[in-house]
PDB file of N, CA and C in Angstrom:
ATOM      1  N   MET A   1      87.996 -36.129-143.593  1.00  0.00           N
ATOM      2  CA  MET A   1      87.293 -35.470-144.584  1.00  0.00           C
ATOM      3  C   MET A   1      85.675 -35.393-144.475  1.00  0.00           C
ATOM      4  N   PHE A   2      85.300 -36.601-144.149  1.00  0.00           N
ATOM      5  CA  PHE A   2      83.690 -36.213-143.604  1.00  0.00           C
ATOM      6  C   PHE A   2      83.244 -35.501-142.519  1.00  0.00           C
ATOM      7  N   LYS A   3      84.299 -35.472-141.536  1.00  0.00           N
ATOM      8  CA  LYS A   3      83.865 -34.212-140.923  1.00  0.00           C
ATOM      9  C   LYS A   3      83.671 -32.923-140.878  1.00  0.00           C
ATOM     10  N   PHE A   4      84.663 -32.696-142.077  1.00  0.00           N
ATOM     11  CA  PHE A   4      84.703 -31.434-142.558  1.00  0.00           C
ATOM     12  C   PHE A   4      83.414 -31.263-143.583  1.00  0.00           C
ATOM     13  N   LEU A   5      83.247 -32.010-144.446  1.00  0.00           N
ATOM     14  CA  LEU A   5      81.791 -32.182-145.587  1.00  0.00           C
ATOM     15  C   LEU A   5      80.855 -31.812-144.421  1.00  0.00           C
ATOM     16  N   LYS A   6      80.363 -32.557-143.245  1.00  0.00           N
ATOM     17  CA  LYS A   6      79.319 -32.639-142.210  1.00  0.00           C
ATOM     18  C   LYS A   6      79.358 -31.169-141.918  1.00  0.00           C
ATOM     19  N   SER A   7      80.541 -30.252-141.533  1.00  0.00           N
ATOM     20  CA  SER A   7      80.463 -29.100-140.828  1.00  0.00           C
ATOM     21  C   SER A   7      79.811 -28.417-141.725  1.00  0.00           C
ATOM     22  N   LEU A   8      80.321 -28.415-143.181  1.00  0.00           N
ATOM     23  CA  LEU A   8      79.497 -27.687-144.005  1.00  0.00           C
ATOM     24  C   LEU A   8      78.184 -27.691-144.648  1.00  0.00           C
ATOM     25  N   LEU A   9      77.863 -28.955-144.386  1.00  0.00           N
ATOM     26  CA  LEU A   9      76.389 -29.585-144.489  1.00  0.00           C
ATOM     27  C   LEU A   9      75.573 -28.994-142.960  1.00  0.00           C
ATOM     28  N   GLY A  10      76.289 -28.338-142.066  1.00  0.00           N
ATOM     29  CA  GLY A  10      75.638 -28.290-140.794  1.00  0.00           C
ATOM     30  C   GLY A  10      75.242 -29.450-139.923  1.00  0.00           C
ATOM     31  N   ARG A  11      76.056 -30.270-140.023  1.00  0.00           N
ATOM     32  CA  ARG A  11      75.935 -31.367-139.143  1.00  0.00           C
ATOM     33  C   ARG A  11      77.035 -31.770-138.574  1.00  0.00           C
ATOM     34  N   GLY A  12      78.248 -31.060-138.461  1.00  0.00           N
ATOM     35  CA  GLY A  12      79.393 -30.760-137.648  1.00  0.00           C
ATOM     36  C   GLY A  12      79.367 -30.452-136.789  1.00  0.00           C
ATOM     37  N   PRO A  13      80.292 -29.749-135.774  1.00  0.00           N
ATOM     38  CA  PRO A  13      80.391 -28.818-134.655  1.00  0.00           C
ATOM     39  C   PRO A  13      79.790 -27.434-134.851  1.00  0.00           C
ATOM     40  N   ALA A  14      79.097 -26.990-134.374  1.00  0.00           N
ATOM     41  CA  ALA A  14      78.340 -25.554-134.204  1.00  0.00           C
ATOM     42  C   ALA A  14      79.386 -24.368-134.396  1.00  0.00           C
ATOM     43  N   VAL A  15      79.258 -23.504-135.559  1.00  0.00           N
ATOM     44  CA  VAL A  15      80.185 -22.372-135.271  1.00  0.00           C
ATOM     45  C   VAL A  15      79.571 -20.961-135.157  1.00  0.00           C
ATOM     46  N   THR A  16      79.870 -20.511-133.775  1.00  0.00           N
ATOM     47  CA  THR A  16      79.208 -19.358-133.402  1.00  0.00           C
ATOM     48  C   THR A  16      79.931 -17.946-133.967  1.00  0.00           C
ATOM     49  N   ASN A  17      78.870 -17.444-134.628  1.00  0.00           N
ATOM     50  CA  ASN A  17      79.280 -15.774-135.108  1.00  0.00           C
ATOM     51  C   ASN A  17      79.251 -15.103-134.038  1.00  0.00           C
ATOM     52  N   VAL A  18      80.120 -14.110-134.211  1.00  0.00           N
ATOM     53  CA  VAL A  18      80.713 -12.940-133.215  1.00  0.00           C
ATOM     54  C   VAL A  18      80.349 -11.829-133.994  1.00  0.00           C
ATOM     55  N   THR A  19      80.180 -10.711-133.059  1.00  0.00           N
ATOM     56  CA  THR A  19      79.962  -9.083-134.067  1.00  0.00           C
ATOM     57  C   THR A  19      81.384  -8.890-133.987  1.00  0.00           C
ATOM     58  N   PRO A  20      81.807  -7.308-134.752  1.00  0.00           N
ATOM     59  CA  PRO A  20      83.165  -6.962-134.475  1.00  0.00           C
ATOM     60  C   PRO A  20      83.440  -6.733-133.129  1.00  0.00           C
ATOM     61  N   LEU A  21      82.538  -6.055-132.470  1.00  0.00           N
ATOM     62  CA  LEU A  21      82.863  -5.470-131.165  1.00  0.00           C
ATOM     63  C   LEU A  21      83.103  -6.863-129.832  1.00  0.00           C
ATOM     64  N   GLU A  22      82.432  -7.816-130.240  1.00  0.00           N
ATOM     65  CA  GLU A  22      83.097  -9.265-129.769  1.00  0.00           C
ATOM     66  C   GLU A  22      83.941  -9.616-129.900  1.00  0.00           C
ATOM     67  N   ALA A  23      84.394  -9.808-130.935  1.00  0.00           N
ATOM     68  CA  ALA A  23      85.663 -10.100-131.745  1.00  0.00           C
ATOM     69  C   ALA A  23      86.585  -9.322-131.226  1.00  0.00           C
ATOM     70  N   GLU A  24      86.407  -8.264-131.155  1.00  0.00           N
ATOM     71  CA  GLU A  24      87.750  -7.303-130.402  1.00  0.00           C
ATOM     72  C   GLU A  24      87.616  -7.774-129.427  1.00  0.00           C
ATOM     73  N   ALA A  25      86.794  -8.004-128.125  1.00  0.00           N
ATOM     74  CA  ALA A  25      86.770  -8.373-126.973  1.00  0.00           C
ATOM     75  C   ALA A  25      87.808  -9.454-126.743  1.00  0.00           C
ATOM     76  N   LEU A  26      87.298 -10.332-127.832  1.00  0.00           N
ATOM     77  CA  LEU A  26      88.000 -11.799-127.579  1.00  0.00           C
ATOM     78  C   LEU A  26      89.460 -11.987-127.695  1.00  0.00           C
ATOM     79  N   VAL A  27      90.057 -10.809-128.964  1.00  0.00           N
ATOM     80  CA  VAL A  27      91.428 -10.304-129.284  1.00  0.00           C
ATOM     81  C   VAL A  27      91.783  -9.764-127.848  1.00  0.00           C
ATOM     82  N   ARG A  28      91.377  -8.713-127.505  1.00  0.00           N
ATOM     83  CA  ARG A  28      91.646  -8.226-125.906  1.00  0.00           C
ATOM     84  C   ARG A  28      92.355  -9.148-125.207  1.00  0.00           C
ATOM     85  N   GLN A  29      91.001 -10.391-125.069  1.00  0.00           N
ATOM     86  CA  GLN A  29      91.162 -11.375-123.974  1.00  0.00           C
ATOM     87  C   GLN A  29      92.371 -12.433-124.369  1.00  0.00           C
ATOM     88  N   GLY A  30      93.167 -12.354-125.503  1.00  0.00           N
ATOM     89  CA  GLY A  30      94.236 -13.517-125.976  1.00  0.00           C
ATOM     90  C   GLY A  30      93.444 -14.060-127.459  1.00  0.00           C
ATOM     91  N   ALA A  31      92.628 -14.024-128.107  1.00  0.00           N
ATOM     92  CA  ALA A  31      92.425 -15.140-129.049  1.00  0.00           C
ATOM     93  C   ALA A  31      92.923 -14.237-130.198  1.00  0.00           C
ATOM     94  N   MET A  32      93.285 -15.752-130.999  1.00  0.00           N
ATOM     95  CA  MET A  32      94.187 -15.019-132.359  1.00  0.00           C
ATOM     96  C   MET A  32      92.569 -15.041-133.062  1.00  0.00           C
ATOM     97  N   LEU A  33      92.983 -13.645-133.990  1.00  0.00           N
ATOM     98  CA  LEU A  33      92.345 -12.928-135.389  1.00  0.00           C
ATOM     99  C   LEU A  33      93.056 -13.880-136.432  1.00  0.00           C
ATOM    100  N   LEU A  34      92.604 -14.761-137.354  1.00  0.00           N
ATOM    101  CA  LEU A  34      93.237 -15.121-138.252  1.00  0.00           C
ATOM    102  C   LEU A  34      92.124 -14.750-139.897  1.00  0.00           C
ATOM    103  N   ASP A  35      93.057 -14.003-140.234  1.00  0.00           N
ATOM    104  CA  ASP A  35      92.574 -13.781-141.667  1.00  0.00           C
ATOM    105  C   ASP A  35      92.455 -14.552-142.946  1.00  0.00           C
ATOM    106  N   VAL A  36      91.614 -15.340-143.534  1.00  0.00           N
ATOM    107  CA  VAL A  36      91.645 -16.149-144.408  1.00  0.00           C
ATOM    108  C   VAL A  36      91.293 -15.383-145.708  1.00  0.00           C
ATOM    109  N   ARG A  37      91.671 -14.370-145.880  1.00  0.00           N
ATOM    110  CA  ARG A  37      91.536 -13.617-147.169  1.00  0.00           C
ATOM    111  C   ARG A  37      92.671 -13.982-147.915  1.00  0.00           C
ATOM    112  N   SER A  38      92.779 -13.576-149.568  1.00  0.00           N
ATOM    113  CA  SER A  38      93.815 -14.016-150.168  1.00  0.00           C
ATOM    114  C   SER A  38      95.189 -12.524-149.753  1.00  0.00           C
ATOM    115  N   ALA A  39      96.514 -12.910-150.057  1.00  0.00           N
ATOM    116  CA  ALA A  39      97.502 -11.760-149.991  1.00  0.00           C
ATOM    117  C   ALA A  39      97.046 -10.296-150.663  1.00  0.00           C
ATOM    118  N   ALA A  40      95.977 -10.457-152.094  1.00  0.00           N
ATOM    119  CA  ALA A  40      95.790  -8.927-152.371  1.00  0.00           C
ATOM    120  C   ALA A  40      94.812  -8.566-151.575  1.00  0.00           C
ATOM    121  N   GLU A  41      93.849  -9.394-150.916  1.00  0.00           N
ATOM    122  CA  GLU A  41      92.881  -8.362-150.453  1.00  0.00           C
ATOM    123  C   GLU A  41      93.484  -8.132-148.945  1.00  0.00           C
ATOM    124  N   ARG A  42      93.977  -8.572-148.272  1.00  0.00           N
ATOM    125  CA  ARG A  42      95.029  -8.432-147.058  1.00  0.00           C
ATOM    126  C   ARG A  42      95.835  -7.033-147.250  1.00  0.00           C
ATOM    127  N   ARG A  43      96.178  -6.580-148.338  1.00  0.00           N
ATOM    128  CA  ARG A  43      96.747  -5.558-148.635  1.00  0.00           C
ATOM    129  C   ARG A  43      95.988  -4.444-148.669  1.00  0.00           C
ATOM    130  N   THR A  44      95.001  -4.382-149.077  1.00  0.00           N
ATOM    131  CA  THR A  44      94.244  -3.492-149.161  1.00  0.00           C
ATOM    132  C   THR A  44      93.786  -2.599-147.635  1.00  0.00           C
ATOM    133  N   ALA A  45      93.393  -3.827-146.725  1.00  0.00           N
ATOM    134  CA  ALA A  45      93.437  -3.139-145.246  1.00  0.00           C
ATOM    135  C   ALA A  45      93.177  -4.721-144.337  1.00  0.00           C
ATOM    136  N   LYS A  46      93.882  -4.182-143.240  1.00  0.00           N
ATOM    137  CA  LYS A  46      94.193  -5.632-142.440  1.00  0.00           C
ATOM    138  C   LYS A  46      94.141  -5.279-140.917  1.00  0.00           C
ATOM    139  N   VAL A  47      93.377  -6.133-140.219  1.00  0.00           N
ATOM    140  CA  VAL A  47      93.369  -5.601-138.304  1.00  0.00           C
ATOM    141  C   VAL A  47      94.780  -5.822-137.791  1.00  0.00           C
ATOM    142  N   ARG A  48      95.092  -5.077-137.156  1.00  0.00           N
ATOM    143  CA  ARG A  48      96.571  -5.000-136.505  1.00  0.00           C
ATOM    144  C   ARG A  48      96.529  -6.199-135.811  1.00  0.00           C
ATOM    145  N   GLY A  49      97.785  -7.201-136.168  1.00  0.00           N
ATOM    146  CA  GLY A  49      98.054  -8.027-135.217  1.00  0.00           C
ATOM    147  C   GLY A  49      97.467  -9.451-135.462  1.00  0.00           C
ATOM    148  N   SER A  50      96.392  -9.403-136.782  1.00  0.00           N
ATOM    149  CA  SER A  50      95.897 -10.559-137.054  1.00  0.00           C
ATOM    150  C   SER A  50      97.247 -11.340-137.820  1.00  0.00           C
ATOM    151  N   THR A  51      96.650 -12.773-137.822  1.00  0.00           N
ATOM    152  CA  THR A  51      97.631 -13.897-138.487  1.00  0.00           C
ATOM    153  C   THR A  51      96.781 -14.149-139.989  1.00  0.00           C
ATOM    154  N   HIS A  52      97.776 -13.830-140.759  1.00  0.00           N
ATOM    155  CA  HIS A  52      97.235 -14.672-141.921  1.00  0.00           C
ATOM    156  C   HIS A  52      97.277 -15.729-142.876  1.00  0.00           C
ATOM    157  N   LEU A  53      96.411 -16.788-143.282  1.00  0.00           N
ATOM    158  CA  LEU A  53      96.598 -17.838-143.484  1.00  0.00           C
ATOM    159  C   LEU A  53      95.285 -17.793-144.352  1.00  0.00           C
ATOM    160  N   PRO A  54      95.566 -17.805-145.636  1.00  0.00           N
ATOM    161  CA  PRO A  54      94.959 -17.933-146.668  1.00  0.00           C
ATOM    162  C   PRO A  54      93.777 -19.068-146.828  1.00  0.00           C
ATOM    163  N   LEU A  55      92.419 -19.278-146.815  1.00  0.00           N
ATOM    164  CA  LEU A  55      91.668 -20.214-146.840  1.00  0.00           C
ATOM    165  C   LEU A  55      92.373 -21.451-147.904  1.00  0.00           C
ATOM    166  N   ASP A  56      92.700 -21.146-149.065  1.00  0.00           N
ATOM    167  CA  ASP A  56      93.199 -22.227-150.109  1.00  0.00           C
ATOM    168  C   ASP A  56      94.441 -23.019-149.214  1.00  0.00           C
ATOM    169  N   ASP A  57      94.876 -22.566-148.166  1.00  0.00           N
ATOM    170  CA  ASP A  57      96.458 -22.658-147.396  1.00  0.00           C
ATOM    171  C   ASP A  57      96.140 -23.808-146.001  1.00  0.00           C
ATOM    172  N   LEU A  58      94.728 -23.519-145.665  1.00  0.00           N
ATOM    173  CA  LEU A  58      94.058 -23.777-144.311  1.00  0.00           C
ATOM    174  C   LEU A  58      94.285 -25.515-144.102  1.00  0.00           C
ATOM    175  N   GLY A  59      93.781 -26.117-145.021  1.00  0.00           N
ATOM    176  CA  GLY A  59      94.311 -27.450-145.148  1.00  0.00           C
ATOM    177  C   GLY A  59      95.765 -27.870-144.966  1.00  0.00           C
ATOM    178  N   LYS A  60      96.799 -27.030-145.258  1.00  0.00           N
ATOM    179  CA  LYS A  60      98.204 -27.605-145.190  1.00  0.00           C
ATOM    180  C   LYS A  60      98.750 -26.982-144.142  1.00  0.00           C
ATOM    181  N   ARG A  61      98.135 -25.782-143.440  1.00  0.00           N
ATOM    182  CA  ARG A  61      99.324 -25.246-142.568  1.00  0.00           C
ATOM    183  C   ARG A  61      98.283 -25.005-141.582  1.00  0.00           C
ATOM    184  N   GLY A  62      96.672 -25.520-141.659  1.00  0.00           N
ATOM    185  CA  GLY A  62      96.071 -25.431-140.237  1.00  0.00           C
ATOM    186  C   GLY A  62      96.813 -25.919-139.139  1.00  0.00           C
ATOM    187  N   GLY A  63      97.351 -27.159-139.169  1.00  0.00           N
ATOM    188  CA  GLY A  63      97.973 -27.794-137.928  1.00  0.00           C
ATOM    189  C   GLY A  63      99.081 -26.895-136.948  1.00  0.00           C
ATOM    190  N   THR A  64      99.458 -26.103-137.627  1.00  0.00           N
ATOM    191  CA  THR A  64     100.236 -24.974-137.115  1.00  0.00           C
ATOM    192  C   THR A  64      99.647 -23.971-136.026  1.00  0.00           C
ATOM    193  N   LEU A  65      98.241 -24.131-136.231  1.00  0.00           N
ATOM    194  CA  LEU A  65      97.168 -22.908-135.518  1.00  0.00           C
ATOM    195  C   LEU A  65      97.545 -23.480-133.963  1.00  0.00           C
ATOM    196  N   PRO A  66      97.449 -22.597-132.934  1.00  0.00           N
ATOM    197  CA  PRO A  66      96.983 -22.649-131.390  1.00  0.00           C
ATOM    198  C   PRO A  66      96.132 -23.482-131.321  1.00  0.00           C
ATOM    199  N   ARG A  67      96.443 -24.570-130.215  1.00  0.00           N
ATOM    200  CA  ARG A  67      95.082 -25.131-129.842  1.00  0.00           C
ATOM    201  C   ARG A  67      94.519 -24.670-128.277  1.00  0.00           C
ATOM    202  N   ASP A  68      95.563 -23.894-127.952  1.00  0.00           N
ATOM    203  CA  ASP A  68      95.577 -23.241-126.834  1.00  0.00           C
ATOM    204  C   ASP A  68      94.540 -22.115-126.651  1.00  0.00           C
ATOM    205  N   ARG A  69      94.399 -21.748-127.651  1.00  0.00           N
ATOM    206  CA  ARG A  69      93.625 -20.136-127.711  1.00  0.00           C
ATOM    207  C   ARG A  69      92.292 -19.915-128.452  1.00  0.00           C
ATOM    208  N   VAL A  70      91.307 -19.439-128.435  1.00  0.00           N
ATOM    209  CA  VAL A  70      90.188 -18.947-129.196  1.00  0.00           C
ATOM    210  C   VAL A  70      90.818 -18.648-130.513  1.00  0.00           C
ATOM    211  N   ILE A  71      90.351 -18.975-131.921  1.00  0.00           N
ATOM    212  CA  ILE A  71      90.450 -18.363-132.879  1.00  0.00           C
ATOM    213  C   ILE A  71      89.602 -17.863-133.564  1.00  0.00           C
ATOM    214  N   VAL A  72      89.712 -16.891-133.733  1.00  0.00           N
ATOM    215  CA  VAL A  72      88.389 -15.730-134.793  1.00  0.00           C
ATOM    216  C   VAL A  72      88.788 -15.866-136.079  1.00  0.00           C
ATOM    217  N   CYS A  73      87.912 -16.593-136.955  1.00  0.00           N
ATOM    218  CA  CYS A  73      88.012 -16.398-138.383  1.00  0.00           C
ATOM    219  C   CYS A  73      87.432 -15.343-138.771  1.00  0.00           C
ATOM    220  N   GLN A  74      88.315 -14.596-139.798  1.00  0.00           N
ATOM    221  CA  GLN A  74      87.796 -13.118-140.716  1.00  0.00           C
ATOM    222  C   GLN A  74      88.289 -13.308-142.080  1.00  0.00           C
ATOM    223  N   CYS A  75      87.381 -12.803-143.090  1.00  0.00           N
ATOM    224  CA  CYS A  75      87.267 -12.593-143.984  1.00  0.00           C
ATOM    225  C   CYS A  75      86.950 -11.208-144.499  1.00  0.00           C
ATOM    226  N   ALA A  76      86.563 -10.977-145.712  1.00  0.00           N
ATOM    227  CA  ALA A  76      86.181  -9.430-146.413  1.00  0.00           C
ATOM    228  C   ALA A  76      84.514  -9.569-145.925  1.00  0.00           C
ATOM    229  N   SER A  77      83.745 -10.464-145.997  1.00  0.00           N
ATOM    230  CA  SER A  77      82.204 -10.481-146.091  1.00  0.00           C
ATOM    231  C   SER A  77      81.604 -11.272-144.618  1.00  0.00           C
ATOM    232  N   GLY A  78      82.433 -12.674-144.447  1.00  0.00           N
ATOM    233  CA  GLY A  78      81.861 -13.139-143.478  1.00  0.00           C
ATOM    234  C   GLY A  78      81.520 -15.087-143.974  1.00  0.00           C
ATOM    235  N   HIS A  79      81.678 -15.147-145.086  1.00  0.00           N
ATOM    236  CA  HIS A  79      81.326 -15.924-145.835  1.00  0.00           C
ATOM    237  C   HIS A  79      82.375 -17.223-145.938  1.00  0.00           C
ATOM    238  N   ARG A  80      83.516 -17.078-146.343  1.00  0.00           N
ATOM    239  CA  ARG A  80      84.686 -17.836-146.243  1.00  0.00           C
ATOM    240  C   ARG A  80      85.682 -17.973-145.152  1.00  0.00           C
ATOM    241  N   SER A  81      85.553 -16.740-144.110  1.00  0.00           N
ATOM    242  CA  SER A  81      85.700 -17.555-142.296  1.00  0.00           C
ATOM    243  C   SER A  81      84.692 -18.346-142.041  1.00  0.00           C
ATOM    244  N   ARG A  82      83.605 -18.473-142.380  1.00  0.00           N
ATOM    245  CA  ARG A  82      82.492 -19.493-141.783  1.00  0.00           C
ATOM    246  C   ARG A  82      83.032 -20.766-142.338  1.00  0.00           C
ATOM    247  N   VAL A  83      83.486 -20.786-143.412  1.00  0.00           N
ATOM    248  CA  VAL A  83      83.853 -22.232-143.950  1.00  0.00           C
ATOM    249  C   VAL A  83      85.369 -22.426-142.953  1.00  0.00           C
ATOM    250  N   ALA A  84      86.119 -21.488-143.146  1.00  0.00           N
ATOM    251  CA  ALA A  84      87.107 -21.636-142.776  1.00  0.00           C
ATOM    252  C   ALA A  84      87.137 -22.480-140.859  1.00  0.00           C
ATOM    253  N   ALA A  85      85.881 -21.428-140.582  1.00  0.00           N
ATOM    254  CA  ALA A  85      85.815 -21.597-138.901  1.00  0.00           C
ATOM    255  C   ALA A  85      85.411 -23.197-139.178  1.00  0.00           C
ATOM    256  N   ALA A  86      84.098 -23.723-139.733  1.00  0.00           N
ATOM    257  CA  ALA A  86      83.690 -24.836-139.610  1.00  0.00           C
ATOM    258  C   ALA A  86      84.970 -25.951-139.736  1.00  0.00           C
ATOM    259  N   GLN A  87      86.039 -25.835-140.540  1.00  0.00           N
ATOM    260  CA  GLN A  87      86.729 -26.557-141.346  1.00  0.00           C
ATOM    261  C   GLN A  87      87.781 -26.575-139.662  1.00  0.00           C
ATOM    262  N   LEU A  88      88.267 -25.666-139.188  1.00  0.00           N
ATOM    263  CA  LEU A  88      88.707 -25.960-137.524  1.00  0.00           C
ATOM    264  C   LEU A  88      88.015 -26.526-136.638  1.00  0.00           C
ATOM    265  N   ALA A  89      86.829 -26.328-136.677  1.00  0.00           N
ATOM    266  CA  ALA A  89      85.754 -26.567-135.238  1.00  0.00           C
ATOM    267  C   ALA A  89      86.065 -28.595-135.710  1.00  0.00           C
ATOM    268  N   ALA A  90      85.889 -28.795-137.146  1.00  0.00           N
ATOM    269  CA  ALA A  90      85.847 -30.177-137.510  1.00  0.00           C
ATOM    270  C   ALA A  90      87.107 -30.709-136.980  1.00  0.00           C
ATOM    271  N   GLN A  91      87.977 -30.194-136.624  1.00  0.00           N
ATOM    272  CA  GLN A  91      89.274 -30.666-135.953  1.00  0.00           C
ATOM    273  C   GLN A  91      89.612 -30.152-134.458  1.00  0.00           C
ATOM    274  N   GLY A  92      88.527 -30.068-134.156  1.00  0.00           N
ATOM    275  CA  GLY A  92      88.802 -29.658-132.631  1.00  0.00           C
ATOM    276  C   GLY A  92      88.959 -28.566-131.810  1.00  0.00           C
ATOM    277  N   PHE A  93      89.309 -27.304-132.853  1.00  0.00           N
ATOM    278  CA  PHE A  93      89.409 -26.160-132.585  1.00  0.00           C
ATOM    279  C   PHE A  93      88.764 -25.006-131.548  1.00  0.00           C
ATOM    280  N   ASP A  94      88.840 -24.688-131.155  1.00  0.00           N
ATOM    281  CA  ASP A  94      87.814 -23.644-130.540  1.00  0.00           C
ATOM    282  C   ASP A  94      87.921 -22.256-130.989  1.00  0.00           C
ATOM    283  N   VAL A  95      86.905 -22.273-132.380  1.00  0.00           N
ATOM    284  CA  VAL A  95      86.827 -20.887-133.334  1.00  0.00           C
ATOM    285  C   VAL A  95      85.630 -20.038-133.231  1.00  0.00           C
ATOM    286  N   ARG A  96      85.568 -18.778-133.785  1.00  0.00           N
ATOM    287  CA  ARG A  96      83.958 -18.050-134.130  1.00  0.00           C
ATOM    288  C   ARG A  96      84.491 -17.917-135.377  1.00  0.00           C
ATOM    289  N   ASN A  97      83.330 -17.266-135.815  1.00  0.00           N
ATOM    290  CA  ASN A  97      83.392 -16.501-137.069  1.00  0.00           C
ATOM    291  C   ASN A  97      83.071 -15.225-136.902  1.00  0.00           C
ATOM    292  N   LEU A  98      83.978 -14.460-137.294  1.00  0.00           N
ATOM    293  CA  LEU A  98      83.177 -12.598-137.372  1.00  0.00           C
ATOM    294  C   LEU A  98      82.067 -12.498-138.554  1.00  0.00           C
ATOM    295  N   GLN A  99      81.141 -12.220-137.690  1.00  0.00           N
ATOM    296  CA  GLN A  99      79.824 -12.068-138.832  1.00  0.00           C
ATOM    297  C   GLN A  99      80.413 -10.878-139.533  1.00  0.00           C
ATOM    298  N   GLY A 100      80.152 -10.452-140.955  1.00  0.00           N
ATOM    299  CA  GLY A 100      80.264  -9.939-141.633  1.00  0.00           C
ATOM    300  C   GLY A 100      81.798  -9.410-142.325  1.00  0.00           C
ATOM    301  N   GLY A 101      82.744 -10.077-141.641  1.00  0.00           N
ATOM    302  CA  GLY A 101      84.085  -9.660-142.058  1.00  0.00           C
ATOM    303  C   GLY A 101      84.457  -8.509-141.771  1.00  0.00           C
ATOM    304  N   ILE A 102      85.970  -8.488-142.433  1.00  0.00           N
ATOM    305  CA  ILE A 102      86.341  -6.949-142.193  1.00  0.00           C
ATOM    306  C   ILE A 102      85.704  -5.884-142.349  1.00  0.00           C
ATOM    307  N   GLN A 103      84.736  -5.823-143.091  1.00  0.00           N
ATOM    308  CA  GLN A 103      83.743  -4.780-143.742  1.00  0.00           C
ATOM    309  C   GLN A 103      82.776  -4.375-142.786  1.00  0.00           C
ATOM    310  N   ALA A 104      82.396  -5.167-141.659  1.00  0.00           N
ATOM    311  CA  ALA A 104      81.435  -5.148-140.716  1.00  0.00           C
ATOM    312  C   ALA A 104      82.474  -4.635-139.641  1.00  0.00           C
ATOM    313  N   TRP A 105      83.743  -4.927-139.336  1.00  0.00           N
ATOM    314  CA  TRP A 105      84.616  -4.560-138.535  1.00  0.00           C
ATOM    315  C   TRP A 105      85.100  -3.158-138.824  1.00  0.00           C
ATOM    316  N   GLN A 106      85.297  -2.732-140.059  1.00  0.00           N
ATOM    317  CA  GLN A 106      85.199  -0.945-140.338  1.00  0.00           C
ATOM    318  C   GLN A 106      84.326  -0.294-140.200  1.00  0.00           C
ATOM    319  N   ALA A 107      83.249  -0.943-140.381  1.00  0.00           N
ATOM    320  CA  ALA A 107      81.508  -0.510-140.102  1.00  0.00           C
ATOM    321  C   ALA A 107      81.492  -0.250-138.768  1.00  0.00           C
ATOM    322  N   ALA A 108      81.638  -0.629-137.814  1.00  0.00           N
ATOM    323  CA  ALA A 108      81.803  -0.593-136.190  1.00  0.00           C
ATOM    324  C   ALA A 108      82.511   0.396-135.793  1.00  0.00           C
ATOM    325  N   GLY A 109      83.540   1.066-136.586  1.00  0.00           N
ATOM    326  CA  GLY A 109      84.537   2.270-136.448  1.00  0.00           C
ATOM    327  C   GLY A 109      85.848   1.532-136.093  1.00  0.00           C
ATOM    328  N   LEU A 110      86.090  -0.105-135.754  1.00  0.00           N
ATOM    329  CA  LEU A 110      87.455  -0.644-135.466  1.00  0.00           C
ATOM    330  C   LEU A 110      88.442  -0.181-136.359  1.00  0.00           C
ATOM    331  N   PRO A 111      89.499  -0.265-135.804  1.00  0.00           N
ATOM    332  CA  PRO A 111      90.727   0.223-136.884  1.00  0.00           C
ATOM    333  C   PRO A 111      91.376  -0.936-137.733  1.00  0.00           C
ATOM    334  N   THR A 112      92.026  -0.523-138.708  1.00  0.00           N
ATOM    335  CA  THR A 112      92.678  -1.340-139.806  1.00  0.00           C
ATOM    336  C   THR A 112      94.199  -0.662-140.045  1.00  0.00           C
ATOM    337  N   GLN A 113      94.467  -1.326-141.035  1.00  0.00           N
ATOM    338  CA  GLN A 113      95.797  -0.587-141.180  1.00  0.00           C
ATOM    339  C   GLN A 113      96.067  -0.841-142.623  1.00  0.00           C
TER     340      GLN A 113
END
């Protein structure tokens, strides 16, 4: 619990922000793109091949995520994914945060479905 709180306060493991193009390159190299938005948000648009795990469920199901791959967290704008990335980093995962979320992904001209 303290590790998670420290990460939210900026005293935990650092989380690196990545641009949409950097995130897309990481995914092509084998990283997991983790969508932490709600199911309703995901129905509006999603990145093909992304894994859905809402932020509210991350504490319960985060242990099912792979530890042998980079995880790029993604939400709508980058705020919730930063929280998710900090939580995962505190648990020892190798994570990045998609800066600007799916909005930035789409603005960069990258495909969604």
